[in-house]
């Protein structure tokens, strides 16, 4: 199950820099994850200071 970034994102960029497949990009109000490219590694969640990336349900 791919990860998604919720509205608690503070746009710090830590997740984008950590993603091994480059599927995270900056959007207008938060960072977003391309679910079709996400390899479900959890690297983004591990570095996020606010816990915004979570597995999609």
C-alpha atoms as a PDB file:
ATOM      1  CA  UNK A   1       0.000   0.000   0.000  1.00  0.00           C
ATOM      2  CA  UNK A   2       1.501   3.325  -1.094  1.00  0.00           C
ATOM      3  CA  UNK A   3       2.123   6.181   1.286  1.00  0.00           C
ATOM      4  CA  UNK A   4       0.229   9.480   1.220  1.00  0.00           C
ATOM      5  CA  UNK A   5       1.008  12.785   2.912  1.00  0.00           C
ATOM      6  CA  UNK A   6      -1.751  14.253   5.045  1.00  0.00           C
ATOM      7  CA  UNK A   7      -2.577  17.899   5.767  1.00  0.00           C
ATOM      8  CA  UNK A   8      -0.214  18.085   8.749  1.00  0.00           C
ATOM      9  CA  UNK A   9       2.669  18.513   6.245  1.00  0.00           C
ATOM     10  CA  UNK A  10       4.761  21.602   7.011  1.00  0.00           C
ATOM     11  CA  UNK A  11       6.599  21.544   3.638  1.00  0.00           C
ATOM     12  CA  UNK A  12      10.047  21.085   5.160  1.00  0.00           C
ATOM     13  CA  UNK A  13      11.236  18.882   2.269  1.00  0.00           C
ATOM     14  CA  UNK A  14      12.798  16.154   4.417  1.00  0.00           C
ATOM     15  CA  UNK A  15      10.666  13.457   2.800  1.00  0.00           C
ATOM     16  CA  UNK A  16      11.456  14.501  -0.760  1.00  0.00           C
ATOM     17  CA  UNK A  17      15.185  14.335  -0.127  1.00  0.00           C
ATOM     18  CA  UNK A  18      14.912  10.887   1.481  1.00  0.00           C
ATOM     19  CA  UNK A  19      12.721   9.144  -1.121  1.00  0.00           C
ATOM     20  CA  UNK A  20      14.859   6.547  -2.953  1.00  0.00           C
ATOM     21  CA  UNK A  21      12.643   6.541  -6.064  1.00  0.00           C
ATOM     22  CA  UNK A  22      11.905  10.276  -6.308  1.00  0.00           C
ATOM     23  CA  UNK A  23       8.127   9.951  -6.125  1.00  0.00           C
ATOM     24  CA  UNK A  24       7.613  12.908  -3.759  1.00  0.00           C
ATOM     25  CA  UNK A  25       7.119  16.420  -5.102  1.00  0.00           C
ATOM     26  CA  UNK A  26       6.139  19.803  -3.752  1.00  0.00           C
ATOM     27  CA  UNK A  27       2.554  20.893  -4.363  1.00  0.00           C
ATOM     28  CA  UNK A  28       0.908  24.166  -3.440  1.00  0.00           C
ATOM     29  CA  UNK A  29      -0.028  23.429   0.179  1.00  0.00           C
ATOM     30  CA  UNK A  30       2.003  20.285   0.969  1.00  0.00           C
ATOM     31  CA  UNK A  31       4.251  17.624  -0.516  1.00  0.00           C
ATOM     32  CA  UNK A  32       2.552  14.796  -2.430  1.00  0.00           C
ATOM     33  CA  UNK A  33       3.498  11.207  -3.230  1.00  0.00           C
ATOM     34  CA  UNK A  34       2.911   9.624  -6.643  1.00  0.00           C
ATOM     35  CA  UNK A  35       1.219   6.405  -5.485  1.00  0.00           C
ATOM     36  CA  UNK A  36       2.017   4.591  -8.725  1.00  0.00           C
ATOM     37  CA  UNK A  37       5.761   5.105  -8.141  1.00  0.00           C
ATOM     38  CA  UNK A  38       5.855   4.607  -4.355  1.00  0.00           C
ATOM     39  CA  UNK A  39       7.738   1.441  -3.328  1.00  0.00           C
ATOM     40  CA  UNK A  40       6.256   1.515   0.193  1.00  0.00           C
ATOM     41  CA  UNK A  41       9.648   1.691   1.894  1.00  0.00           C
ATOM     42  CA  UNK A  42       8.578   4.143   4.626  1.00  0.00           C
ATOM     43  CA  UNK A  43      11.724   6.267   4.327  1.00  0.00           C
ATOM     44  CA  UNK A  44       9.583   9.412   4.093  1.00  0.00           C
ATOM     45  CA  UNK A  45       7.679   8.571   7.266  1.00  0.00           C
ATOM     46  CA  UNK A  46      10.902   7.880   9.146  1.00  0.00           C
ATOM     47  CA  UNK A  47      12.283  11.393   8.573  1.00  0.00           C
ATOM     48  CA  UNK A  48       9.105  13.483   8.768  1.00  0.00           C
ATOM     49  CA  UNK A  49       9.099  15.681  11.902  1.00  0.00           C
ATOM     50  CA  UNK A  50       5.287  15.822  12.021  1.00  0.00           C
ATOM     51  CA  UNK A  51       4.367  12.293  10.889  1.00  0.00           C
ATOM     52  CA  UNK A  52       2.544  13.415   7.749  1.00  0.00           C
ATOM     53  CA  UNK A  53       3.355  10.432   5.466  1.00  0.00           C
ATOM     54  CA  UNK A  54       1.197   7.399   6.246  1.00  0.00           C
ATOM     55  CA  UNK A  55       0.203   4.210   4.414  1.00  0.00           C
ATOM     56  CA  UNK A  56      -2.952   4.773   2.367  1.00  0.00           C
ATOM     57  CA  UNK A  57      -5.965   2.807   3.509  1.00  0.00           C
END
